[in-house]
């Protein structure tokens, strides 16, 4: 399975440009129906706004849609879409709402504003790489719990849960290629007393990453 980038979380951002107020929202979505639901929610919430421009990209089926919602053609939806296509972001829906401030921005100004709206929302969300992870459990004594958690970070792990009993069982996701190196590190750290137990595999997003460029 190929790796790909998605928004890490739902986020919003806002800025003022020549008295026009731009409010941006971004979501990770899995279907066109889900994207349309978010768009309709924004249209209802900001019913009194001049424009609710939007775009979405769905990986399955290669679905790409956008709307200028009354702005001059090519000044809103397409520039927003370009923000995500340039960074190869999939399964994303973004709505940028504009409350008109009485000053015309011109085609170039509108393009820059809607580009900024989408880019700011993406920066607020962060991104995540969807990839194949190995699900592991690591039983550790309480005295080593914090140390082992720290050791997981350099190996790109995502800790999903910690179960507290006689010992602590750390449940985590590790990139498949890092399971063996982490086991070697764990053996070194514990003089061979700790082991990584592989419990399965899952294809899902990982930790938050900052947006590049």
N, C-alpha and C. Protein backbone atom coordinates (compact mmCIF):
# COMPACT_ATOMS: atom_id res chain seq x y z
N UNK A 1 0.83 -1.20 0.00
CA UNK A 1 0.00 0.00 0.00
C UNK A 1 0.87 1.26 0.00
N UNK A 2 0.49 2.23 -0.80
CA UNK A 2 1.27 3.46 -0.91
C UNK A 2 0.97 4.41 0.25
N UNK A 3 1.99 5.13 0.67
CA UNK A 3 1.81 6.15 1.70
C UNK A 3 1.23 7.41 1.07
N UNK A 4 0.45 8.16 1.84
CA UNK A 4 -0.05 9.44 1.36
C UNK A 4 -0.37 10.34 2.54
N UNK A 5 -0.44 11.65 2.27
CA UNK A 5 -0.67 12.65 3.31
C UNK A 5 -2.14 13.03 3.41
N UNK A 6 -2.60 13.26 4.65
CA UNK A 6 -3.95 13.75 4.92
C UNK A 6 -3.86 14.83 6.00
N UNK A 7 -4.90 15.68 6.14
CA UNK A 7 -4.90 16.60 7.28
C UNK A 7 -4.87 15.80 8.58
N UNK A 8 -4.14 16.31 9.57
CA UNK A 8 -4.05 15.59 10.84
C UNK A 8 -5.34 15.71 11.65
N UNK A 9 -5.94 16.91 11.64
CA UNK A 9 -7.13 17.12 12.46
C UNK A 9 -7.98 18.24 11.89
N UNK A 10 -9.21 18.33 12.35
CA UNK A 10 -10.08 19.44 12.01
C UNK A 10 -9.50 20.72 12.59
N UNK A 11 -9.51 21.79 11.80
CA UNK A 11 -8.92 23.05 12.27
C UNK A 11 -9.58 24.23 11.57
N UNK A 12 -9.37 25.42 12.13
CA UNK A 12 -9.87 26.63 11.51
C UNK A 12 -8.88 27.77 11.70
N UNK A 13 -9.02 28.79 10.87
CA UNK A 13 -8.16 29.97 10.96
C UNK A 13 -8.94 31.16 10.44
N UNK A 14 -8.41 32.35 10.67
CA UNK A 14 -9.13 33.56 10.28
C UNK A 14 -8.16 34.71 10.09
N UNK A 15 -8.45 35.58 9.12
CA UNK A 15 -7.67 36.80 8.95
C UNK A 15 -8.54 37.86 8.27
N UNK A 16 -8.09 39.10 8.35
CA UNK A 16 -8.77 40.23 7.72
C UNK A 16 -7.90 40.76 6.59
N UNK A 17 -8.49 40.99 5.44
CA UNK A 17 -7.78 41.56 4.30
C UNK A 17 -8.62 42.71 3.74
N UNK A 18 -8.14 43.93 3.91
CA UNK A 18 -8.87 45.12 3.44
C UNK A 18 -10.33 45.09 3.88
N UNK A 19 -10.51 44.85 5.14
CA UNK A 19 -11.80 44.85 5.82
C UNK A 19 -12.67 43.62 5.51
N UNK A 20 -12.27 42.79 4.54
CA UNK A 20 -12.99 41.54 4.31
C UNK A 20 -12.48 40.50 5.32
N UNK A 21 -13.42 39.78 5.90
CA UNK A 21 -13.08 38.76 6.90
C UNK A 21 -13.10 37.39 6.24
N UNK A 22 -11.99 36.66 6.33
CA UNK A 22 -11.87 35.32 5.74
C UNK A 22 -11.76 34.30 6.87
N UNK A 23 -12.70 33.35 6.89
CA UNK A 23 -12.72 32.30 7.91
C UNK A 23 -12.55 30.95 7.21
N UNK A 24 -11.53 30.21 7.60
CA UNK A 24 -11.22 28.93 6.94
C UNK A 24 -11.46 27.75 7.86
N UNK A 25 -11.99 26.67 7.29
CA UNK A 25 -12.16 25.40 8.00
C UNK A 25 -11.62 24.26 7.14
N UNK A 26 -11.01 23.28 7.81
CA UNK A 26 -10.46 22.13 7.10
C UNK A 26 -10.80 20.85 7.85
N UNK A 27 -11.04 19.77 7.09
CA UNK A 27 -11.37 18.47 7.68
C UNK A 27 -10.67 17.36 6.90
N UNK A 28 -10.41 16.28 7.58
CA UNK A 28 -10.06 15.03 6.89
C UNK A 28 -11.36 14.31 6.56
N UNK A 29 -11.55 13.89 5.33
CA UNK A 29 -12.78 13.23 4.91
C UNK A 29 -12.45 11.95 4.15
N UNK A 30 -13.38 11.02 4.17
CA UNK A 30 -13.19 9.73 3.50
C UNK A 30 -14.09 9.55 2.29
N UNK A 31 -15.07 10.44 2.12
CA UNK A 31 -16.03 10.28 1.02
C UNK A 31 -16.52 11.65 0.56
N UNK A 32 -17.07 11.67 -0.65
CA UNK A 32 -17.64 12.90 -1.19
C UNK A 32 -18.85 13.33 -0.36
N UNK A 33 -19.62 12.35 0.10
CA UNK A 33 -20.78 12.66 0.94
C UNK A 33 -20.37 13.38 2.22
N UNK A 34 -19.30 12.91 2.83
CA UNK A 34 -18.80 13.55 4.06
C UNK A 34 -18.36 14.98 3.78
N UNK A 35 -17.67 15.18 2.66
CA UNK A 35 -17.22 16.52 2.30
C UNK A 35 -18.42 17.44 2.09
N UNK A 36 -19.42 16.98 1.36
CA UNK A 36 -20.61 17.78 1.08
C UNK A 36 -21.34 18.15 2.38
N UNK A 37 -21.34 17.24 3.33
CA UNK A 37 -21.99 17.52 4.61
C UNK A 37 -21.31 18.69 5.32
N UNK A 38 -19.97 18.69 5.33
CA UNK A 38 -19.22 19.79 5.96
C UNK A 38 -19.50 21.11 5.24
N UNK A 39 -19.54 21.08 3.92
CA UNK A 39 -19.78 22.30 3.14
C UNK A 39 -21.15 22.87 3.46
N UNK A 40 -22.16 22.00 3.52
CA UNK A 40 -23.51 22.47 3.83
C UNK A 40 -23.60 23.03 5.25
N UNK A 41 -22.86 22.42 6.17
CA UNK A 41 -22.83 22.93 7.56
C UNK A 41 -22.28 24.35 7.60
N UNK A 42 -21.24 24.61 6.82
CA UNK A 42 -20.65 25.95 6.80
C UNK A 42 -21.59 26.95 6.15
N UNK A 43 -22.28 26.53 5.11
CA UNK A 43 -23.23 27.44 4.45
C UNK A 43 -24.36 27.83 5.40
N UNK A 44 -24.77 26.89 6.24
CA UNK A 44 -25.82 27.19 7.22
C UNK A 44 -25.28 28.06 8.35
N UNK A 45 -24.07 27.74 8.82
CA UNK A 45 -23.50 28.52 9.92
C UNK A 45 -23.24 29.96 9.50
N UNK A 46 -22.69 30.12 8.30
CA UNK A 46 -22.34 31.46 7.80
C UNK A 46 -23.29 31.87 6.69
N UNK A 47 -24.57 31.72 6.95
CA UNK A 47 -25.61 32.01 5.95
C UNK A 47 -25.59 33.46 5.50
N UNK A 48 -25.09 34.35 6.34
CA UNK A 48 -25.10 35.77 6.02
C UNK A 48 -23.79 36.24 5.38
N UNK A 49 -22.88 35.31 5.10
CA UNK A 49 -21.62 35.67 4.45
C UNK A 49 -21.84 35.84 2.95
N UNK A 50 -20.98 36.64 2.31
CA UNK A 50 -21.11 36.86 0.87
C UNK A 50 -20.74 35.60 0.09
N UNK A 51 -19.70 34.88 0.56
CA UNK A 51 -19.22 33.72 -0.19
C UNK A 51 -18.79 32.61 0.77
N UNK A 52 -19.09 31.36 0.41
CA UNK A 52 -18.54 30.18 1.09
C UNK A 52 -17.89 29.32 0.00
N UNK A 53 -16.63 29.59 -0.26
CA UNK A 53 -15.91 28.90 -1.34
C UNK A 53 -15.30 27.61 -0.78
N UNK A 54 -15.21 26.59 -1.62
CA UNK A 54 -14.78 25.30 -1.10
C UNK A 54 -14.04 24.46 -2.13
N UNK A 55 -13.37 23.44 -1.62
CA UNK A 55 -12.75 22.42 -2.48
C UNK A 55 -12.60 21.15 -1.68
N UNK A 56 -12.52 20.04 -2.38
CA UNK A 56 -12.19 18.78 -1.70
C UNK A 56 -11.52 17.81 -2.67
N UNK A 57 -10.72 16.93 -2.09
CA UNK A 57 -10.01 15.89 -2.84
C UNK A 57 -10.24 14.57 -2.11
N UNK A 58 -10.79 13.58 -2.81
CA UNK A 58 -11.00 12.25 -2.25
C UNK A 58 -10.10 11.28 -2.99
N UNK A 59 -9.24 10.60 -2.27
CA UNK A 59 -8.26 9.71 -2.90
C UNK A 59 -8.93 8.58 -3.67
N UNK A 60 -9.89 7.92 -3.04
CA UNK A 60 -10.56 6.80 -3.71
C UNK A 60 -11.43 7.33 -4.85
N UNK A 61 -11.14 6.90 -6.04
CA UNK A 61 -11.90 7.37 -7.19
C UNK A 61 -11.33 8.63 -7.82
N UNK A 62 -10.30 9.21 -7.20
CA UNK A 62 -9.68 10.42 -7.75
C UNK A 62 -10.63 11.59 -7.88
N UNK A 63 -11.49 11.79 -6.87
CA UNK A 63 -12.49 12.85 -6.91
C UNK A 63 -11.87 14.20 -6.54
N UNK A 64 -12.06 15.19 -7.41
CA UNK A 64 -11.58 16.56 -7.18
C UNK A 64 -12.70 17.53 -7.53
N UNK A 65 -13.11 18.35 -6.55
CA UNK A 65 -14.21 19.29 -6.78
C UNK A 65 -13.86 20.63 -6.12
N UNK A 66 -14.39 21.72 -6.69
CA UNK A 66 -14.20 23.04 -6.07
C UNK A 66 -15.29 23.99 -6.55
N UNK A 67 -15.47 25.09 -5.83
CA UNK A 67 -16.47 26.10 -6.18
C UNK A 67 -15.99 27.48 -5.79
N UNK A 68 -16.20 28.46 -6.69
CA UNK A 68 -15.90 29.86 -6.40
C UNK A 68 -17.06 30.55 -5.68
N UNK A 69 -18.22 29.92 -5.65
CA UNK A 69 -19.40 30.43 -4.94
C UNK A 69 -19.63 31.93 -5.16
N UNK A 70 -19.64 32.32 -6.42
CA UNK A 70 -19.96 33.71 -6.73
C UNK A 70 -18.78 34.65 -6.89
N UNK A 71 -17.59 34.22 -6.43
CA UNK A 71 -16.41 35.03 -6.68
C UNK A 71 -16.06 34.92 -8.18
N UNK A 72 -15.30 35.86 -8.74
CA UNK A 72 -14.89 35.75 -10.15
C UNK A 72 -14.24 34.39 -10.43
N UNK A 73 -14.56 33.83 -11.57
CA UNK A 73 -14.09 32.47 -11.89
C UNK A 73 -12.57 32.36 -11.77
N UNK A 74 -12.15 31.31 -11.08
CA UNK A 74 -10.72 31.02 -10.95
C UNK A 74 -10.01 31.75 -9.83
N UNK A 75 -10.75 32.52 -9.01
CA UNK A 75 -10.08 33.32 -7.96
C UNK A 75 -10.18 32.70 -6.57
N UNK A 76 -10.95 31.62 -6.41
CA UNK A 76 -11.18 31.09 -5.06
C UNK A 76 -10.98 29.57 -4.97
N UNK A 77 -11.92 28.82 -5.53
CA UNK A 77 -11.86 27.36 -5.39
C UNK A 77 -10.60 26.74 -5.95
N UNK A 78 -10.21 27.16 -7.15
CA UNK A 78 -9.01 26.59 -7.78
C UNK A 78 -7.73 26.95 -7.02
N UNK A 79 -7.54 28.20 -6.61
CA UNK A 79 -6.35 28.51 -5.78
C UNK A 79 -6.32 27.73 -4.47
N UNK A 80 -7.49 27.54 -3.85
CA UNK A 80 -7.54 26.72 -2.63
C UNK A 80 -7.11 25.29 -2.94
N UNK A 81 -7.65 24.75 -4.01
CA UNK A 81 -7.32 23.38 -4.41
C UNK A 81 -5.83 23.23 -4.66
N UNK A 82 -5.23 24.24 -5.29
CA UNK A 82 -3.80 24.19 -5.61
C UNK A 82 -2.94 24.04 -4.36
N UNK A 83 -3.40 24.62 -3.24
CA UNK A 83 -2.65 24.51 -1.99
C UNK A 83 -2.47 23.05 -1.61
N UNK A 84 -3.52 22.26 -1.77
CA UNK A 84 -3.48 20.85 -1.37
C UNK A 84 -2.83 19.97 -2.45
N UNK A 85 -3.08 20.28 -3.70
CA UNK A 85 -2.48 19.49 -4.77
C UNK A 85 -0.97 19.67 -4.80
N UNK A 86 -0.50 20.90 -4.56
CA UNK A 86 0.94 21.16 -4.58
C UNK A 86 1.66 20.36 -3.50
N UNK A 87 0.99 20.16 -2.37
CA UNK A 87 1.61 19.41 -1.26
C UNK A 87 1.18 17.93 -1.26
N UNK A 88 0.41 17.55 -2.28
CA UNK A 88 -0.06 16.16 -2.44
C UNK A 88 -0.85 15.67 -1.22
N UNK A 89 -1.80 16.53 -0.77
CA UNK A 89 -2.68 16.18 0.35
C UNK A 89 -3.94 15.52 -0.21
N UNK A 90 -4.34 14.40 0.36
CA UNK A 90 -5.55 13.69 -0.06
C UNK A 90 -6.59 13.70 1.06
N UNK A 91 -7.80 13.30 0.70
CA UNK A 91 -8.89 13.17 1.68
C UNK A 91 -9.04 14.43 2.52
N UNK A 92 -9.15 15.54 1.82
CA UNK A 92 -9.22 16.85 2.46
C UNK A 92 -10.43 17.62 1.94
N UNK A 93 -11.08 18.35 2.83
CA UNK A 93 -12.15 19.27 2.47
C UNK A 93 -11.85 20.60 3.15
N UNK A 94 -11.98 21.69 2.39
CA UNK A 94 -11.70 23.02 2.95
C UNK A 94 -12.77 24.00 2.48
N UNK A 95 -13.26 24.80 3.40
CA UNK A 95 -14.20 25.88 3.09
C UNK A 95 -13.61 27.19 3.59
N UNK A 96 -13.56 28.19 2.71
CA UNK A 96 -13.12 29.54 3.11
C UNK A 96 -14.32 30.47 2.94
N UNK A 97 -14.78 31.02 4.05
CA UNK A 97 -15.93 31.92 4.08
C UNK A 97 -15.44 33.37 4.04
N UNK A 98 -16.12 34.19 3.22
CA UNK A 98 -15.73 35.60 3.14
C UNK A 98 -16.91 36.51 3.49
N UNK A 99 -16.67 37.36 4.47
CA UNK A 99 -17.58 38.46 4.75
C UNK A 99 -17.01 39.70 4.07
N UNK A 100 -17.68 40.20 3.06
CA UNK A 100 -17.18 41.32 2.25
C UNK A 100 -17.07 42.59 3.09
N UNK A 101 -15.92 43.25 2.97
CA UNK A 101 -15.68 44.44 3.79
C UNK A 101 -15.88 45.76 3.09
N UNK A 102 -16.36 45.70 1.84
CA UNK A 102 -16.65 46.94 1.12
C UNK A 102 -15.55 47.41 0.21
N UNK A 103 -14.39 46.76 0.24
CA UNK A 103 -13.27 47.14 -0.63
C UNK A 103 -12.99 45.99 -1.59
N UNK A 104 -13.03 46.26 -2.89
CA UNK A 104 -12.74 45.23 -3.89
C UNK A 104 -11.26 44.84 -3.84
N UNK A 105 -11.00 43.56 -3.90
CA UNK A 105 -9.62 43.07 -3.82
C UNK A 105 -9.01 42.85 -5.20
N UNK A 106 -9.83 42.76 -6.22
CA UNK A 106 -9.31 42.45 -7.55
C UNK A 106 -9.00 40.97 -7.67
N UNK A 107 -8.84 40.48 -8.89
CA UNK A 107 -8.61 39.05 -9.11
C UNK A 107 -7.35 38.55 -8.41
N UNK A 108 -6.27 39.32 -8.52
CA UNK A 108 -5.02 38.90 -7.86
C UNK A 108 -5.14 38.89 -6.35
N UNK A 109 -5.80 39.91 -5.82
CA UNK A 109 -5.98 39.97 -4.37
C UNK A 109 -6.85 38.84 -3.85
N UNK A 110 -7.90 38.51 -4.60
CA UNK A 110 -8.77 37.41 -4.19
C UNK A 110 -8.02 36.09 -4.23
N UNK A 111 -7.26 35.87 -5.29
CA UNK A 111 -6.49 34.63 -5.42
C UNK A 111 -5.52 34.47 -4.26
N UNK A 112 -4.84 35.56 -3.90
CA UNK A 112 -3.89 35.50 -2.78
C UNK A 112 -4.62 35.25 -1.46
N UNK A 113 -5.78 35.88 -1.29
CA UNK A 113 -6.52 35.73 -0.03
C UNK A 113 -7.04 34.30 0.14
N UNK A 114 -7.61 33.73 -0.90
CA UNK A 114 -8.14 32.36 -0.77
C UNK A 114 -7.02 31.33 -0.67
N UNK A 115 -5.90 31.61 -1.33
CA UNK A 115 -4.73 30.74 -1.17
C UNK A 115 -4.26 30.78 0.29
N UNK A 116 -4.19 31.98 0.84
CA UNK A 116 -3.77 32.13 2.24
C UNK A 116 -4.75 31.45 3.17
N UNK A 117 -6.05 31.58 2.90
CA UNK A 117 -7.06 30.95 3.76
C UNK A 117 -6.87 29.43 3.84
N UNK A 118 -6.68 28.81 2.67
CA UNK A 118 -6.48 27.35 2.65
C UNK A 118 -5.16 26.96 3.30
N UNK A 119 -4.09 27.72 3.01
CA UNK A 119 -2.77 27.40 3.56
C UNK A 119 -2.74 27.57 5.08
N UNK A 120 -3.39 28.63 5.57
CA UNK A 120 -3.44 28.85 7.03
C UNK A 120 -4.19 27.72 7.73
N UNK A 121 -5.29 27.28 7.13
CA UNK A 121 -6.06 26.18 7.72
C UNK A 121 -5.23 24.89 7.76
N UNK A 122 -4.49 24.64 6.68
CA UNK A 122 -3.65 23.44 6.62
C UNK A 122 -2.54 23.51 7.67
N UNK A 123 -1.96 24.69 7.84
CA UNK A 123 -0.91 24.85 8.87
C UNK A 123 -1.47 24.62 10.26
N UNK A 124 -2.70 25.09 10.49
CA UNK A 124 -3.34 24.89 11.80
C UNK A 124 -3.63 23.42 12.05
N UNK A 125 -3.98 22.70 10.99
CA UNK A 125 -4.30 21.27 11.12
C UNK A 125 -3.05 20.41 11.25
N UNK A 126 -2.02 20.76 10.47
CA UNK A 126 -0.88 19.86 10.33
C UNK A 126 -1.27 18.72 9.41
N UNK A 127 -0.33 17.88 9.08
CA UNK A 127 -0.60 16.74 8.22
C UNK A 127 -0.16 15.45 8.89
N UNK A 128 -0.59 14.35 8.31
CA UNK A 128 -0.24 13.03 8.85
C UNK A 128 -0.04 12.08 7.68
N UNK A 129 0.93 11.20 7.80
CA UNK A 129 1.18 10.21 6.75
C UNK A 129 0.37 8.94 7.02
N UNK A 130 -0.48 8.59 6.06
CA UNK A 130 -1.20 7.32 6.15
C UNK A 130 -0.28 6.23 5.61
N UNK A 131 -0.04 5.23 6.42
CA UNK A 131 0.90 4.18 6.04
C UNK A 131 0.58 2.89 6.79
N UNK A 132 1.30 1.83 6.46
CA UNK A 132 1.13 0.56 7.16
C UNK A 132 1.96 0.59 8.44
N UNK A 133 1.28 0.35 9.56
CA UNK A 133 1.93 0.31 10.87
C UNK A 133 1.86 -1.09 11.46
N UNK A 134 2.86 -1.41 12.26
CA UNK A 134 2.83 -2.64 13.04
C UNK A 134 2.33 -2.31 14.44
N UNK A 135 1.27 -3.01 14.86
CA UNK A 135 0.71 -2.82 16.20
C UNK A 135 1.52 -3.66 17.19
N UNK A 136 2.00 -3.02 18.26
CA UNK A 136 2.81 -3.74 19.24
C UNK A 136 2.32 -3.47 20.65
N UNK A 137 2.66 -4.40 21.54
CA UNK A 137 2.44 -4.22 22.98
C UNK A 137 3.78 -4.46 23.68
N UNK A 138 4.06 -3.62 24.67
CA UNK A 138 5.33 -3.72 25.39
C UNK A 138 5.04 -3.71 26.88
N UNK A 139 5.04 -4.86 27.52
CA UNK A 139 4.86 -4.90 28.98
C UNK A 139 6.13 -4.40 29.66
N UNK A 140 5.97 -3.43 30.57
CA UNK A 140 7.14 -2.87 31.26
C UNK A 140 6.81 -2.66 32.73
N UNK A 141 7.80 -2.78 33.62
CA UNK A 141 7.57 -2.43 35.02
C UNK A 141 7.36 -0.92 35.15
N UNK A 142 6.65 -0.52 36.18
CA UNK A 142 6.35 0.90 36.38
C UNK A 142 7.61 1.76 36.40
N UNK A 143 8.68 1.22 36.96
CA UNK A 143 9.92 1.98 37.09
C UNK A 143 10.53 2.34 35.73
N UNK A 144 10.17 1.59 34.68
CA UNK A 144 10.76 1.84 33.36
C UNK A 144 9.76 2.44 32.37
N UNK A 145 8.55 2.69 32.83
CA UNK A 145 7.47 3.15 31.96
C UNK A 145 7.82 4.43 31.20
N UNK A 146 8.21 5.47 31.93
CA UNK A 146 8.51 6.75 31.29
C UNK A 146 9.73 6.64 30.36
N UNK A 147 10.71 5.86 30.77
CA UNK A 147 11.93 5.72 29.96
C UNK A 147 11.61 5.04 28.62
N UNK A 148 10.81 3.98 28.67
CA UNK A 148 10.48 3.27 27.44
C UNK A 148 9.64 4.16 26.52
N UNK A 149 8.74 4.96 27.09
CA UNK A 149 7.95 5.89 26.28
C UNK A 149 8.87 6.85 25.52
N UNK A 150 9.88 7.36 26.23
CA UNK A 150 10.82 8.27 25.60
C UNK A 150 11.62 7.57 24.50
N UNK A 151 11.97 6.32 24.73
CA UNK A 151 12.76 5.57 23.76
C UNK A 151 11.97 5.30 22.47
N UNK A 152 10.64 5.25 22.56
CA UNK A 152 9.82 4.96 21.38
C UNK A 152 9.86 6.10 20.37
N UNK A 153 9.99 7.33 20.86
CA UNK A 153 9.88 8.51 19.99
C UNK A 153 10.87 8.51 18.82
N UNK A 154 12.17 8.26 19.06
CA UNK A 154 13.11 8.30 17.93
C UNK A 154 12.84 7.24 16.86
N UNK A 155 12.05 6.24 17.21
CA UNK A 155 11.75 5.18 16.25
C UNK A 155 10.43 5.44 15.50
N UNK A 156 9.91 6.66 15.64
CA UNK A 156 8.71 7.03 14.90
C UNK A 156 7.43 6.39 15.39
N UNK A 157 7.40 6.00 16.65
CA UNK A 157 6.23 5.29 17.20
C UNK A 157 5.10 6.25 17.53
N UNK A 158 3.89 5.72 17.50
CA UNK A 158 2.70 6.43 17.98
C UNK A 158 2.13 5.61 19.13
N UNK A 159 2.14 6.15 20.35
CA UNK A 159 1.58 5.45 21.50
C UNK A 159 0.06 5.61 21.47
N UNK A 160 -0.66 4.50 21.44
CA UNK A 160 -2.12 4.54 21.33
C UNK A 160 -2.82 4.35 22.67
N UNK A 161 -2.16 3.66 23.62
CA UNK A 161 -2.78 3.45 24.92
C UNK A 161 -1.75 2.91 25.90
N UNK A 162 -2.07 3.00 27.19
CA UNK A 162 -1.25 2.39 28.25
C UNK A 162 -2.19 1.70 29.22
N UNK A 163 -2.00 0.41 29.43
CA UNK A 163 -2.86 -0.38 30.31
C UNK A 163 -2.13 -0.63 31.61
N UNK A 164 -2.76 -0.24 32.73
CA UNK A 164 -2.10 -0.31 34.03
C UNK A 164 -2.63 -1.49 34.83
N UNK A 165 -1.70 -2.41 35.17
CA UNK A 165 -2.03 -3.56 35.99
C UNK A 165 -0.86 -3.84 36.91
N UNK A 166 -0.47 -5.10 37.03
CA UNK A 166 0.72 -5.43 37.81
C UNK A 166 1.94 -4.73 37.20
N UNK A 167 1.97 -4.70 35.87
CA UNK A 167 2.94 -3.90 35.11
C UNK A 167 2.14 -2.94 34.23
N UNK A 168 2.85 -2.16 33.46
CA UNK A 168 2.19 -1.30 32.47
C UNK A 168 2.40 -1.91 31.08
N UNK A 169 1.33 -2.02 30.31
CA UNK A 169 1.46 -2.49 28.93
C UNK A 169 1.27 -1.30 28.01
N UNK A 170 2.34 -0.95 27.32
CA UNK A 170 2.27 0.15 26.35
C UNK A 170 1.79 -0.41 25.02
N UNK A 171 0.73 0.17 24.49
CA UNK A 171 0.25 -0.21 23.17
C UNK A 171 0.67 0.89 22.21
N UNK A 172 1.31 0.50 21.11
CA UNK A 172 1.87 1.50 20.20
C UNK A 172 1.86 1.00 18.77
N UNK A 173 2.05 1.95 17.86
CA UNK A 173 2.23 1.65 16.45
C UNK A 173 3.67 1.98 16.08
N UNK A 174 4.30 1.08 15.35
CA UNK A 174 5.67 1.29 14.89
C UNK A 174 5.74 1.07 13.39
N UNK A 175 6.51 1.89 12.66
CA UNK A 175 6.78 1.56 11.27
C UNK A 175 7.39 0.16 11.22
N UNK A 176 6.95 -0.66 10.29
CA UNK A 176 7.37 -2.06 10.25
C UNK A 176 8.89 -2.21 10.28
N UNK A 177 9.59 -1.30 9.57
CA UNK A 177 11.04 -1.42 9.48
C UNK A 177 11.75 -1.06 10.79
N UNK A 178 11.00 -0.49 11.75
CA UNK A 178 11.62 -0.08 13.01
C UNK A 178 11.34 -1.04 14.17
N UNK A 179 10.57 -2.08 13.93
CA UNK A 179 10.25 -3.02 15.02
C UNK A 179 11.52 -3.72 15.52
N UNK A 180 12.31 -4.26 14.61
CA UNK A 180 13.51 -4.98 15.01
C UNK A 180 14.56 -4.05 15.64
N UNK A 181 14.83 -2.87 15.04
CA UNK A 181 15.77 -1.96 15.70
C UNK A 181 15.31 -1.53 17.09
N UNK A 182 14.00 -1.34 17.26
CA UNK A 182 13.52 -0.94 18.59
C UNK A 182 13.68 -2.10 19.58
N UNK A 183 13.46 -3.33 19.12
CA UNK A 183 13.65 -4.47 20.01
C UNK A 183 15.11 -4.57 20.46
N UNK A 184 16.03 -4.29 19.55
CA UNK A 184 17.45 -4.30 19.90
C UNK A 184 17.76 -3.25 20.96
N UNK A 185 17.14 -2.06 20.79
CA UNK A 185 17.35 -0.99 21.77
C UNK A 185 16.75 -1.37 23.12
N UNK A 186 15.60 -2.01 23.10
CA UNK A 186 14.92 -2.43 24.32
C UNK A 186 15.72 -3.50 25.05
N UNK A 187 16.30 -4.40 24.28
CA UNK A 187 17.15 -5.46 24.86
C UNK A 187 18.36 -4.84 25.55
N UNK A 188 18.95 -3.86 24.90
CA UNK A 188 20.11 -3.16 25.46
C UNK A 188 19.73 -2.41 26.73
N UNK A 189 18.57 -1.77 26.69
CA UNK A 189 18.12 -0.95 27.81
C UNK A 189 17.79 -1.78 29.05
N UNK A 190 17.24 -2.99 28.83
CA UNK A 190 16.72 -3.79 29.94
C UNK A 190 17.51 -5.06 30.22
N UNK A 191 18.68 -5.17 29.60
CA UNK A 191 19.50 -6.38 29.75
C UNK A 191 18.70 -7.62 29.35
N UNK A 192 17.86 -7.47 28.31
CA UNK A 192 17.14 -8.61 27.75
C UNK A 192 15.83 -8.95 28.43
N UNK A 193 15.39 -8.15 29.39
CA UNK A 193 14.17 -8.52 30.13
C UNK A 193 12.88 -8.03 29.46
N UNK A 194 12.98 -7.09 28.54
CA UNK A 194 11.78 -6.54 27.89
C UNK A 194 11.72 -6.96 26.43
N UNK A 195 10.50 -7.26 25.96
CA UNK A 195 10.33 -7.67 24.57
C UNK A 195 9.13 -6.96 23.95
N UNK A 196 9.24 -6.78 22.64
CA UNK A 196 8.14 -6.21 21.86
C UNK A 196 7.25 -7.35 21.37
N UNK A 197 5.96 -7.23 21.65
CA UNK A 197 5.01 -8.26 21.20
C UNK A 197 4.21 -7.69 20.03
N UNK A 198 4.36 -8.28 18.85
CA UNK A 198 3.62 -7.84 17.67
C UNK A 198 2.22 -8.44 17.71
N UNK A 199 1.21 -7.57 17.59
CA UNK A 199 -0.19 -8.05 17.69
C UNK A 199 -0.98 -7.86 16.41
N UNK A 200 -0.42 -7.15 15.43
CA UNK A 200 -1.16 -6.98 14.18
C UNK A 200 -0.59 -5.89 13.31
N UNK A 201 -1.33 -5.56 12.24
CA UNK A 201 -0.96 -4.49 11.33
C UNK A 201 -2.18 -3.63 11.05
N UNK A 202 -1.96 -2.35 10.78
CA UNK A 202 -3.08 -1.46 10.49
C UNK A 202 -2.61 -0.37 9.54
N UNK A 203 -3.48 0.02 8.59
CA UNK A 203 -3.18 1.09 7.64
C UNK A 203 -3.94 2.33 8.10
N UNK A 204 -3.23 3.34 8.61
CA UNK A 204 -3.89 4.49 9.21
C UNK A 204 -2.92 5.68 9.31
N UNK A 205 -3.45 6.87 9.65
CA UNK A 205 -2.56 8.02 9.82
C UNK A 205 -1.69 7.88 11.06
N UNK A 206 -0.56 8.54 11.03
CA UNK A 206 0.35 8.54 12.17
C UNK A 206 0.31 9.85 12.92
N UNK A 207 1.44 10.27 13.44
CA UNK A 207 1.52 11.45 14.28
C UNK A 207 1.44 12.73 13.44
N UNK A 208 1.24 13.85 14.14
CA UNK A 208 1.15 15.15 13.46
C UNK A 208 2.52 15.55 12.93
N UNK A 209 2.51 16.08 11.73
CA UNK A 209 3.71 16.61 11.11
C UNK A 209 3.43 18.05 10.70
N UNK A 210 4.44 18.90 10.76
CA UNK A 210 4.29 20.28 10.31
C UNK A 210 4.20 20.32 8.79
N UNK A 211 3.51 21.31 8.28
CA UNK A 211 3.35 21.45 6.82
C UNK A 211 4.59 22.09 6.24
N UNK A 212 5.13 21.49 5.20
CA UNK A 212 6.32 22.02 4.56
C UNK A 212 5.93 22.96 3.42
N UNK A 213 6.73 23.97 3.25
CA UNK A 213 6.52 24.89 2.13
C UNK A 213 5.26 25.69 2.21
